[in-house]
C-alpha cells in the first residue's frame, strides 16, 4: 500500500470520527483521529478566516502609512 492511500484512509476514518464527536465514539476513533478529522474538515474555513484578518490588517497598515 502506498503512503497516499494510507493517508487518505486515515483522513476518511478521522473525518468519520469528527462527525461522531457528540455521539458515542467507536473504538477505532481515538483522540488523535478525532482531532485529525476535525482539522481536516475545518482547515479551509480557518485558513479563510486567517487570510481575511491578515488582509484587513494589511489594508489598515497601508491606510495608516499615508
Protein backbone atom coordinates (compact mmCIF):
# COMPACT_ATOMS: atom_id res chain seq x y z
CA UNK A 1 0.00 0.00 0.00
CA UNK A 2 1.22 3.47 -0.83
CA UNK A 3 1.63 6.30 1.63
CA UNK A 4 -1.03 8.32 -0.21
CA UNK A 5 -3.56 5.52 0.20
CA UNK A 6 -2.80 5.19 3.91
CA UNK A 7 -3.09 8.95 4.40
CA UNK A 8 -6.42 9.06 2.55
CA UNK A 9 -7.67 6.15 4.66
CA UNK A 10 -6.59 7.99 7.84
CA UNK A 11 -8.41 11.15 6.68
CA UNK A 12 -11.52 9.12 5.83
CA UNK A 13 -11.55 7.42 9.24
CA UNK A 14 -10.77 10.67 11.03
CA UNK A 15 -13.46 12.73 9.30
CA UNK A 16 -15.92 9.98 10.15
CA UNK A 17 -14.75 10.24 13.75
CA UNK A 18 -15.08 14.04 13.75
CA UNK A 19 -18.73 13.75 12.72
CA UNK A 20 -19.34 11.40 15.66
CA UNK A 21 -17.80 13.68 18.30
CA UNK A 22 -21.12 14.35 20.01
CA UNK A 23 -22.31 10.76 19.76
CA UNK A 24 -20.85 7.61 21.34
CA UNK A 25 -17.46 7.16 19.73
CA UNK A 26 -16.42 3.83 18.20
CA UNK A 27 -13.27 2.15 19.49
CA UNK A 28 -11.37 2.97 16.29
CA UNK A 29 -11.84 6.71 16.93
CA UNK A 30 -9.11 7.63 19.38
CA UNK A 31 -8.40 11.22 20.37
CA UNK A 32 -5.77 11.80 17.68
CA UNK A 33 -8.12 10.54 14.95
CA UNK A 34 -10.90 12.84 16.15
CA UNK A 35 -8.52 15.82 16.25
CA UNK A 36 -7.10 14.98 12.82
CA UNK A 37 -10.62 14.68 11.40
CA UNK A 38 -11.65 17.98 12.96
CA UNK A 39 -8.65 19.72 11.37
CA UNK A 40 -9.28 18.01 8.03
CA UNK A 41 -12.88 19.22 7.99
CA UNK A 42 -12.37 22.77 9.17
CA UNK A 43 -8.90 23.77 7.99
CA UNK A 44 -10.25 25.54 4.90
CA UNK A 45 -12.62 27.67 6.96
CA UNK A 46 -9.90 28.57 9.44
CA UNK A 47 -7.43 29.46 6.68
CA UNK A 48 -10.06 31.68 5.07
CA UNK A 49 -10.62 33.50 8.39
CA UNK A 50 -6.86 33.92 8.96
CA UNK A 51 -6.38 35.24 5.43
CA UNK A 52 -9.29 37.65 5.84
CA UNK A 53 -7.87 39.10 9.06
CA UNK A 54 -4.39 39.30 7.55
CA UNK A 55 -5.75 41.25 4.58
CA UNK A 56 -7.68 43.56 6.91
CA UNK A 57 -4.51 44.26 8.92
CA UNK A 58 -2.58 44.87 5.71
CA UNK A 59 -5.17 47.33 4.46
CA UNK A 60 -5.20 49.09 7.84
CA UNK A 61 -1.39 49.33 7.85
CA UNK A 62 -1.36 50.77 4.33
CA UNK A 63 -4.08 53.22 5.29
CA UNK A 64 -2.25 54.41 8.41
CA UNK A 65 1.01 54.84 6.50
CA UNK A 66 -0.45 57.65 4.36
